Amino acid sequence: VMLTGCGVFDFNQRLMNVQAGMTQSKIKEMLGSPTNRSFDQDSETWEYYSVYSGTEDRISIIEFVEGRVTSMETITRPKVQEHHGHRDNHHN
């Protein structure tokens, strides 16, 4: 789910409250279900995608070990727009 409009500010505020040691259920309560989820034997990673500005998207990656937050990273990248089945990157 991509977040847009005023929901982005609220989401970013909630994201700033994520702390190491929080449980997966607490993160889901705060941020909702992740856009993507992956895991291996020892850890699980949740990704949240949001629109940061008119030209940028933001990806927040939260890693859990034994069901608790161990790290979080947020990446801001230029927005990728898709038109008629192909990607169209706009660079200023």
PDB file of N, CA and C in Angstrom:
ATOM      1  N   VAL A   1       0.859  -1.187   0.000  1.00  0.00           N
ATOM      2  CA  VAL A   1       0.000   0.000   0.000  1.00  0.00           C
ATOM      3  C   VAL A   1       0.888   1.227   0.000  1.00  0.00           C
ATOM      4  N   MET A   2       0.697   2.105  -0.952  1.00  0.00           N
ATOM      5  CA  MET A   2       1.439   3.364  -1.002  1.00  0.00           C
ATOM      6  C   MET A   2       0.657   4.417  -0.239  1.00  0.00           C
ATOM      7  N   LEU A   3       1.330   5.155   0.607  1.00  0.00           N
ATOM      8  CA  LEU A   3       0.674   6.205   1.368  1.00  0.00           C
ATOM      9  C   LEU A   3       0.854   7.533   0.654  1.00  0.00           C
ATOM     10  N   THR A   4      -0.217   8.322   0.604  1.00  0.00           N
ATOM     11  CA  THR A   4      -0.145   9.614  -0.067  1.00  0.00           C
ATOM     12  C   THR A   4      -0.833  10.675   0.783  1.00  0.00           C
ATOM     13  N   GLY A   5      -0.655  11.941   0.412  1.00  0.00           N
ATOM     14  CA  GLY A   5      -1.366  13.034   1.074  1.00  0.00           C
ATOM     15  C   GLY A   5      -0.979  13.196   2.529  1.00  0.00           C
ATOM     16  N   CYS A   6      -1.953  13.646   3.365  1.00  0.00           N
ATOM     17  CA  CYS A   6      -1.656  13.913   4.772  1.00  0.00           C
ATOM     18  C   CYS A   6      -1.292  12.662   5.528  1.00  0.00           C
ATOM     19  N   GLY A   7      -1.684  11.502   5.033  1.00  0.00           N
ATOM     20  CA  GLY A   7      -1.318  10.258   5.682  1.00  0.00           C
ATOM     21  C   GLY A   7       0.188  10.077   5.764  1.00  0.00           C
ATOM     22  N   VAL A   8       0.931  10.691   4.826  1.00  0.00           N
ATOM     23  CA  VAL A   8       2.392  10.552   4.807  1.00  0.00           C
ATOM     24  C   VAL A   8       3.003  11.181   6.049  1.00  0.00           C
ATOM     25  N   PHE A   9       2.543  12.382   6.409  1.00  0.00           N
ATOM     26  CA  PHE A   9       3.092  13.060   7.589  1.00  0.00           C
ATOM     27  C   PHE A   9       2.831  12.218   8.832  1.00  0.00           C
ATOM     28  N   ASP A  10       1.601  11.729   8.989  1.00  0.00           N
ATOM     29  CA  ASP A  10       1.257  10.895  10.138  1.00  0.00           C
ATOM     30  C   ASP A  10       2.113   9.639  10.164  1.00  0.00           C
ATOM     31  N   PHE A  11       2.280   9.006   9.003  1.00  0.00           N
ATOM     32  CA  PHE A  11       3.078   7.791   8.921  1.00  0.00           C
ATOM     33  C   PHE A  11       4.523   8.071   9.326  1.00  0.00           C
ATOM     34  N   ASN A  12       5.092   9.161   8.811  1.00  0.00           N
ATOM     35  CA  ASN A  12       6.479   9.497   9.134  1.00  0.00           C
ATOM     36  C   ASN A  12       6.645   9.799  10.623  1.00  0.00           C
ATOM     37  N   GLN A  13       5.633  10.427  11.221  1.00  0.00           N
ATOM     38  CA  GLN A  13       5.680  10.694  12.663  1.00  0.00           C
ATOM     39  C   GLN A  13       5.677   9.383  13.443  1.00  0.00           C
ATOM     40  N   ARG A  14       4.825   8.439  13.031  1.00  0.00           N
ATOM     41  CA  ARG A  14       4.766   7.140  13.703  1.00  0.00           C
ATOM     42  C   ARG A  14       6.074   6.376  13.509  1.00  0.00           C
ATOM     43  N   LEU A  15       6.661   6.493  12.306  1.00  0.00           N
ATOM     44  CA  LEU A  15       7.922   5.830  12.008  1.00  0.00           C
ATOM     45  C   LEU A  15       9.026   6.301  12.948  1.00  0.00           C
ATOM     46  N   MET A  16       9.003   7.576  13.297  1.00  0.00           N
ATOM     47  CA  MET A  16      10.021   8.130  14.187  1.00  0.00           C
ATOM     48  C   MET A  16       9.911   7.559  15.604  1.00  0.00           C
ATOM     49  N   ASN A  17       8.776   6.944  15.929  1.00  0.00           N
ATOM     50  CA  ASN A  17       8.577   6.363  17.258  1.00  0.00           C
ATOM     51  C   ASN A  17       9.000   4.899  17.344  1.00  0.00           C
ATOM     52  N   VAL A  18       9.438   4.326  16.223  1.00  0.00           N
ATOM     53  CA  VAL A  18       9.897   2.931  16.238  1.00  0.00           C
ATOM     54  C   VAL A  18      11.186   2.851  17.058  1.00  0.00           C
ATOM     55  N   GLN A  19      11.236   1.892  17.976  1.00  0.00           N
ATOM     56  CA  GLN A  19      12.399   1.720  18.846  1.00  0.00           C
ATOM     57  C   GLN A  19      12.869   0.271  18.809  1.00  0.00           C
ATOM     58  N   ALA A  20      14.161   0.077  19.007  1.00  0.00           N
ATOM     59  CA  ALA A  20      14.711  -1.273  19.107  1.00  0.00           C
ATOM     60  C   ALA A  20      14.018  -2.002  20.258  1.00  0.00           C
ATOM     61  N   GLY A  21      13.727  -3.286  20.036  1.00  0.00           N
ATOM     62  CA  GLY A  21      13.106  -4.096  21.065  1.00  0.00           C
ATOM     63  C   GLY A  21      11.587  -4.168  20.964  1.00  0.00           C
ATOM     64  N   MET A  22      10.967  -3.293  20.146  1.00  0.00           N
ATOM     65  CA  MET A  22       9.508  -3.354  19.984  1.00  0.00           C
ATOM     66  C   MET A  22       9.112  -4.662  19.307  1.00  0.00           C
ATOM     67  N   THR A  23       7.930  -5.155  19.631  1.00  0.00           N
ATOM     68  CA  THR A  23       7.446  -6.407  19.050  1.00  0.00           C
ATOM     69  C   THR A  23       6.836  -6.163  17.665  1.00  0.00           C
ATOM     70  N   GLN A  24       6.724  -7.253  16.899  1.00  0.00           N
ATOM     71  CA  GLN A  24       6.091  -7.162  15.582  1.00  0.00           C
ATOM     72  C   GLN A  24       4.653  -6.686  15.707  1.00  0.00           C
ATOM     73  N   SER A  25       3.929  -7.145  16.736  1.00  0.00           N
ATOM     74  CA  SER A  25       2.536  -6.727  16.876  1.00  0.00           C
ATOM     75  C   SER A  25       2.442  -5.228  17.168  1.00  0.00           C
ATOM     76  N   LYS A  26       3.393  -4.681  17.930  1.00  0.00           N
ATOM     77  CA  LYS A  26       3.405  -3.239  18.210  1.00  0.00           C
ATOM     78  C   LYS A  26       3.676  -2.452  16.925  1.00  0.00           C
ATOM     79  N   ILE A  27       4.620  -2.918  16.115  1.00  0.00           N
ATOM     80  CA  ILE A  27       4.932  -2.238  14.851  1.00  0.00           C
ATOM     81  C   ILE A  27       3.715  -2.276  13.929  1.00  0.00           C
ATOM     82  N   LYS A  28       3.045  -3.430  13.866  1.00  0.00           N
ATOM     83  CA  LYS A  28       1.861  -3.544  13.012  1.00  0.00           C
ATOM     84  C   LYS A  28       0.753  -2.617  13.498  1.00  0.00           C
ATOM     85  N   GLU A  29       0.619  -2.487  14.795  1.00  0.00           N
ATOM     86  CA  GLU A  29      -0.369  -1.574  15.386  1.00  0.00           C
ATOM     87  C   GLU A  29      -0.040  -0.123  15.012  1.00  0.00           C
ATOM     88  N   MET A  30       1.251   0.232  15.044  1.00  0.00           N
ATOM     89  CA  MET A  30       1.681   1.603  14.759  1.00  0.00           C
ATOM     90  C   MET A  30       1.639   1.934  13.265  1.00  0.00           C
ATOM     91  N   LEU A  31       2.128   0.996  12.422  1.00  0.00           N
ATOM     92  CA  LEU A  31       2.365   1.293  11.014  1.00  0.00           C
ATOM     93  C   LEU A  31       1.451   0.545  10.046  1.00  0.00           C
ATOM     94  N   GLY A  32       0.713  -0.452  10.544  1.00  0.00           N
ATOM     95  CA  GLY A  32      -0.104  -1.267   9.653  1.00  0.00           C
ATOM     96  C   GLY A  32       0.712  -2.414   9.077  1.00  0.00           C
ATOM     97  N   SER A  33       0.099  -3.156   8.170  1.00  0.00           N
ATOM     98  CA  SER A  33       0.785  -4.288   7.543  1.00  0.00           C
ATOM     99  C   SER A  33       1.870  -3.790   6.597  1.00  0.00           C
ATOM    100  N   PRO A  34       3.000  -4.501   6.527  1.00  0.00           N
ATOM    101  CA  PRO A  34       4.076  -4.065   5.632  1.00  0.00           C
ATOM    102  C   PRO A  34       3.717  -4.250   4.160  1.00  0.00           C
ATOM    103  N   THR A  35       4.371  -3.474   3.300  1.00  0.00           N
ATOM    104  CA  THR A  35       4.201  -3.608   1.854  1.00  0.00           C
ATOM    105  C   THR A  35       4.828  -4.910   1.385  1.00  0.00           C
ATOM    106  N   ASN A  36       6.019  -5.215   1.899  1.00  0.00           N
ATOM    107  CA  ASN A  36       6.727  -6.461   1.590  1.00  0.00           C
ATOM    108  C   ASN A  36       7.227  -7.072   2.884  1.00  0.00           C
ATOM    109  N   ARG A  37       7.355  -8.395   2.885  1.00  0.00           N
ATOM    110  CA  ARG A  37       7.856  -9.115   4.049  1.00  0.00           C
ATOM    111  C   ARG A  37       8.778 -10.212   3.548  1.00  0.00           C
ATOM    112  N   SER A  38       9.928 -10.359   4.180  1.00  0.00           N
ATOM    113  CA  SER A  38      10.829 -11.451   3.833  1.00  0.00           C
ATOM    114  C   SER A  38      11.457 -11.969   5.120  1.00  0.00           C
ATOM    115  N   PHE A  39      11.953 -13.195   5.082  1.00  0.00           N
ATOM    116  CA  PHE A  39      12.579 -13.758   6.270  1.00  0.00           C
ATOM    117  C   PHE A  39      13.575 -14.827   5.880  1.00  0.00           C
ATOM    118  N   ASP A  40      14.486 -15.113   6.818  1.00  0.00           N
ATOM    119  CA  ASP A  40      15.369 -16.260   6.678  1.00  0.00           C
ATOM    120  C   ASP A  40      15.340 -16.996   8.013  1.00  0.00           C
ATOM    121  N   GLN A  41      16.283 -17.825   8.260  1.00  0.00           N
ATOM    122  CA  GLN A  41      16.259 -18.664   9.463  1.00  0.00           C
ATOM    123  C   GLN A  41      16.262 -17.841  10.750  1.00  0.00           C
ATOM    124  N   ASP A  42      17.011 -16.743  10.766  1.00  0.00           N
ATOM    125  CA  ASP A  42      17.220 -15.998  12.009  1.00  0.00           C
ATOM    126  C   ASP A  42      16.481 -14.674  12.118  1.00  0.00           C
ATOM    127  N   SER A  43      16.050 -14.113  10.999  1.00  0.00           N
ATOM    128  CA  SER A  43      15.466 -12.773  11.070  1.00  0.00           C
ATOM    129  C   SER A  43      14.316 -12.612  10.080  1.00  0.00           C
ATOM    130  N   GLU A  44      13.557 -11.536  10.287  1.00  0.00           N
ATOM    131  CA  GLU A  44      12.452 -11.198   9.399  1.00  0.00           C
ATOM    132  C   GLU A  44      12.551  -9.714   9.088  1.00  0.00           C
ATOM    133  N   THR A  45      12.252  -9.346   7.856  1.00  0.00           N
ATOM    134  CA  THR A  45      12.344  -7.956   7.426  1.00  0.00           C
ATOM    135  C   THR A  45      11.000  -7.505   6.880  1.00  0.00           C
ATOM    136  N   TRP A  46      10.538  -6.341   7.339  1.00  0.00           N
ATOM    137  CA  TRP A  46       9.313  -5.727   6.829  1.00  0.00           C
ATOM    138  C   TRP A  46       9.699  -4.444   6.109  1.00  0.00           C
ATOM    139  N   GLU A  47       9.087  -4.204   4.942  1.00  0.00           N
ATOM    140  CA  GLU A  47       9.322  -2.981   4.174  1.00  0.00           C
ATOM    141  C   GLU A  47       8.021  -2.209   4.037  1.00  0.00           C
ATOM    142  N   TYR A  48       8.119  -0.910   4.245  1.00  0.00           N
ATOM    143  CA  TYR A  48       6.991   0.001   4.083  1.00  0.00           C
ATOM    144  C   TYR A  48       7.358   1.028   3.020  1.00  0.00           C
ATOM    145  N   TYR A  49       6.494   1.198   2.012  1.00  0.00           N
ATOM    146  CA  TYR A  49       6.720   2.164   0.941  1.00  0.00           C
ATOM    147  C   TYR A  49       5.789   3.347   1.145  1.00  0.00           C
ATOM    148  N   SER A  50       6.306   4.557   1.020  1.00  0.00           N
ATOM    149  CA  SER A  50       5.457   5.739   1.114  1.00  0.00           C
ATOM    150  C   SER A  50       5.957   6.795   0.131  1.00  0.00           C
ATOM    151  N   VAL A  51       5.074   7.719  -0.232  1.00  0.00           N
ATOM    152  CA  VAL A  51       5.437   8.827  -1.112  1.00  0.00           C
ATOM    153  C   VAL A  51       5.967   9.933  -0.212  1.00  0.00           C
ATOM    154  N   TYR A  52       7.246  10.266  -0.392  1.00  0.00           N
ATOM    155  CA  TYR A  52       7.889  11.262   0.468  1.00  0.00           C
ATOM    156  C   TYR A  52       7.590  12.677  -0.012  1.00  0.00           C
ATOM    157  N   SER A  53       7.622  12.866  -1.322  1.00  0.00           N
ATOM    158  CA  SER A  53       7.324  14.174  -1.910  1.00  0.00           C
ATOM    159  C   SER A  53       6.825  13.921  -3.325  1.00  0.00           C
ATOM    160  N   GLY A  54       6.605  14.972  -4.083  1.00  0.00           N
ATOM    161  CA  GLY A  54       6.121  14.800  -5.443  1.00  0.00           C
ATOM    162  C   GLY A  54       7.099  14.070  -6.349  1.00  0.00           C
ATOM    163  N   THR A  55       8.380  14.090  -5.972  1.00  0.00           N
ATOM    164  CA  THR A  55       9.397  13.492  -6.839  1.00  0.00           C
ATOM    165  C   THR A  55      10.165  12.348  -6.181  1.00  0.00           C
ATOM    166  N   GLU A  56       9.853  12.053  -4.909  1.00  0.00           N
ATOM    167  CA  GLU A  56      10.617  11.028  -4.205  1.00  0.00           C
ATOM    168  C   GLU A  56       9.707  10.042  -3.479  1.00  0.00           C
ATOM    169  N   ASP A  57      10.160   8.799  -3.431  1.00  0.00           N
ATOM    170  CA  ASP A  57       9.505   7.758  -2.648  1.00  0.00           C
ATOM    171  C   ASP A  57      10.406   7.427  -1.466  1.00  0.00           C
ATOM    172  N   ARG A  58       9.816   6.883  -0.419  1.00  0.00           N
ATOM    173  CA  ARG A  58      10.589   6.499   0.755  1.00  0.00           C
ATOM    174  C   ARG A  58      10.305   5.032   1.065  1.00  0.00           C
ATOM    175  N   ILE A  59      11.364   4.284   1.350  1.00  0.00           N
ATOM    176  CA  ILE A  59      11.243   2.887   1.760  1.00  0.00           C
ATOM    177  C   ILE A  59      11.811   2.788   3.170  1.00  0.00           C
ATOM    178  N   SER A  60      11.019   2.254   4.074  1.00  0.00           N
ATOM    179  CA  SER A  60      11.477   2.033   5.443  1.00  0.00           C
ATOM    180  C   SER A  60      11.580   0.535   5.660  1.00  0.00           C
ATOM    181  N   ILE A  61      12.753   0.089   6.103  1.00  0.00           N
ATOM    182  CA  ILE A  61      13.040  -1.335   6.269  1.00  0.00           C
ATOM    183  C   ILE A  61      13.273  -1.602   7.748  1.00  0.00           C
ATOM    184  N   ILE A  62      12.437  -2.475   8.314  1.00  0.00           N
ATOM    185  CA  ILE A  62      12.542  -2.814   9.731  1.00  0.00           C
ATOM    186  C   ILE A  62      12.909  -4.286   9.841  1.00  0.00           C
ATOM    187  N   GLU A  63      13.967  -4.564  10.597  1.00  0.00           N
ATOM    188  CA  GLU A  63      14.419  -5.948  10.765  1.00  0.00           C
ATOM    189  C   GLU A  63      14.106  -6.427  12.185  1.00  0.00           C
ATOM    190  N   PHE A  64      13.611  -7.656  12.250  1.00  0.00           N
ATOM    191  CA  PHE A  64      13.266  -8.279  13.529  1.00  0.00           C
ATOM    192  C   PHE A  64      14.106  -9.532  13.727  1.00  0.00           C
ATOM    193  N   VAL A  65      14.530  -9.761  14.953  1.00  0.00           N
ATOM    194  CA  VAL A  65      15.137 -11.031  15.349  1.00  0.00           C
ATOM    195  C   VAL A  65      14.358 -11.502  16.571  1.00  0.00           C
ATOM    196  N   GLU A  66      13.904 -12.762  16.522  1.00  0.00           N
ATOM    197  CA  GLU A  66      13.074 -13.331  17.584  1.00  0.00           C
ATOM    198  C   GLU A  66      11.858 -12.446  17.876  1.00  0.00           C
ATOM    199  N   GLY A  67      11.271 -11.872  16.801  1.00  0.00           N
ATOM    200  CA  GLY A  67      10.035 -11.107  16.930  1.00  0.00           C
ATOM    201  C   GLY A  67      10.174  -9.693  17.457  1.00  0.00           C
ATOM    202  N   ARG A  68      11.426  -9.205  17.603  1.00  0.00           N
ATOM    203  CA  ARG A  68      11.631  -7.849  18.118  1.00  0.00           C
ATOM    204  C   ARG A  68      12.516  -7.035  17.174  1.00  0.00           C
ATOM    205  N   VAL A  69      12.248  -5.731  17.124  1.00  0.00           N
ATOM    206  CA  VAL A  69      13.005  -4.832  16.242  1.00  0.00           C
ATOM    207  C   VAL A  69      14.472  -4.815  16.643  1.00  0.00           C
ATOM    208  N   THR A  70      15.350  -5.054  15.651  1.00  0.00           N
ATOM    209  CA  THR A  70      16.792  -4.937  15.888  1.00  0.00           C
ATOM    210  C   THR A  70      17.405  -3.791  15.091  1.00  0.00           C
ATOM    211  N   SER A  71      16.772  -3.415  13.957  1.00  0.00           N
ATOM    212  CA  SER A  71      17.301  -2.297  13.180  1.00  0.00           C
ATOM    213  C   SER A  71      16.218  -1.717  12.284  1.00  0.00           C
ATOM    214  N   MET A  72      16.429  -0.485  11.863  1.00  0.00           N
ATOM    215  CA  MET A  72      15.533   0.174  10.922  1.00  0.00           C
ATOM    216  C   MET A  72      16.368   1.075  10.024  1.00  0.00           C
ATOM    217  N   GLU A  73      16.021   1.078   8.756  1.00  0.00           N
ATOM    218  CA  GLU A  73      16.702   1.936   7.782  1.00  0.00           C
ATOM    219  C   GLU A  73      15.641   2.561   6.893  1.00  0.00           C
ATOM    220  N   THR A  74      15.815   3.836   6.589  1.00  0.00           N
ATOM    221  CA  THR A  74      14.888   4.515   5.685  1.00  0.00           C
ATOM    222  C   THR A  74      15.679   5.052   4.508  1.00  0.00           C
ATOM    223  N   ILE A  75      15.212   4.732   3.310  1.00  0.00           N
ATOM    224  CA  ILE A  75      15.878   5.135   2.071  1.00  0.00           C
ATOM    225  C   ILE A  75      14.925   6.023   1.282  1.00  0.00           C
ATOM    226  N   THR A  76      15.406   7.172   0.843  1.00  0.00           N
ATOM    227  CA  THR A  76      14.621   8.047  -0.023  1.00  0.00           C
ATOM    228  C   THR A  76      15.218   7.954  -1.410  1.00  0.00           C
ATOM    229  N   ARG A  77      14.358   7.744  -2.406  1.00  0.00           N
ATOM    230  CA  ARG A  77      14.863   7.576  -3.772  1.00  0.00           C
ATOM    231  C   ARG A  77      13.972   8.349  -4.736  1.00  0.00           C
ATOM    232  N   PRO A  78      14.500   8.689  -5.928  1.00  0.00           N
ATOM    233  CA  PRO A  78      13.661   9.359  -6.933  1.00  0.00           C
ATOM    234  C   PRO A  78      12.471   8.482  -7.293  1.00  0.00           C
ATOM    235  N   LYS A  79      11.343   9.106  -7.468  1.00  0.00           N
ATOM    236  CA  LYS A  79      10.126   8.370  -7.807  1.00  0.00           C
ATOM    237  C   LYS A  79      10.259   7.747  -9.187  1.00  0.00           C
ATOM    238  N   VAL A  80       9.826   6.507  -9.307  1.00  0.00           N
ATOM    239  CA  VAL A  80       9.810   5.812 -10.593  1.00  0.00           C
ATOM    240  C   VAL A  80       8.352   5.772 -11.050  1.00  0.00           C
ATOM    241  N   GLN A  81       8.097   6.348 -12.210  1.00  0.00           N
ATOM    242  CA  GLN A  81       6.731   6.355 -12.730  1.00  0.00           C
ATOM    243  C   GLN A  81       6.632   5.367 -13.869  1.00  0.00           C
ATOM    244  N   GLU A  82       5.518   4.670 -13.922  1.00  0.00           N
ATOM    245  CA  GLU A  82       5.312   3.699 -14.983  1.00  0.00           C
ATOM    246  C   GLU A  82       4.223   4.193 -15.916  1.00  0.00           C
ATOM    247  N   HIS A  83       4.508   4.140 -17.204  1.00  0.00           N
ATOM    248  CA  HIS A  83       3.546   4.556 -18.216  1.00  0.00           C
ATOM    249  C   HIS A  83       3.459   3.476 -19.285  1.00  0.00           C
ATOM    250  N   HIS A  84       2.279   2.994 -19.527  1.00  0.00           N
ATOM    251  CA  HIS A  84       2.021   2.039 -20.613  1.00  0.00           C
ATOM    252  C   HIS A  84       2.991   0.863 -20.592  1.00  0.00           C
ATOM    253  N   GLY A  85       3.257   0.331 -19.388  1.00  0.00           N
ATOM    254  CA  GLY A  85       4.034  -0.895 -19.303  1.00  0.00           C
ATOM    255  C   GLY A  85       5.537  -0.722 -19.294  1.00  0.00           C
ATOM    256  N   HIS A  86       6.065   0.524 -19.395  1.00  0.00           N
ATOM    257  CA  HIS A  86       7.508   0.676 -19.279  1.00  0.00           C
ATOM    258  C   HIS A  86       7.830   1.741 -18.256  1.00  0.00           C
ATOM    259  N   ARG A  87       9.029   1.631 -17.705  1.00  0.00           N
ATOM    260  CA  ARG A  87       9.430   2.573 -16.671  1.00  0.00           C
ATOM    261  C   ARG A  87       9.976   3.852 -17.297  1.00  0.00           C
ATOM    262  N   ASP A  88       9.630   4.946 -16.675  1.00  0.00           N
ATOM    263  CA  ASP A  88      10.040   6.254 -17.180  1.00  0.00           C
ATOM    264  C   ASP A  88      10.662   7.024 -16.028  1.00  0.00           C
ATOM    265  N   ASN A  89      11.991   7.124 -15.991  1.00  0.00           N
ATOM    266  CA  ASN A  89      12.674   7.847 -14.921  1.00  0.00           C
ATOM    267  C   ASN A  89      12.849   9.302 -15.314  1.00  0.00           C
ATOM    268  N   HIS A  90      12.435  10.184 -14.418  1.00  0.00           N
ATOM    269  CA  HIS A  90      12.615  11.623 -14.653  1.00  0.00           C
ATOM    270  C   HIS A  90      13.733  12.135 -13.777  1.00  0.00           C
ATOM    271  N   HIS A  91      14.741  12.741 -14.375  1.00  0.00           N
ATOM    272  CA  HIS A  91      15.853  13.305 -13.614  1.00  0.00           C
ATOM    273  C   HIS A  91      15.888  14.802 -13.837  1.00  0.00           C
ATOM    274  N   ASN A  92      16.091  15.565 -12.757  1.00  0.00           N
ATOM    275  CA  ASN A  92      16.176  17.033 -12.871  1.00  0.00           C
ATOM    276  C   ASN A  92      17.615  17.457 -12.955  1.00  0.00           C
TER     277      ASN A  92
END
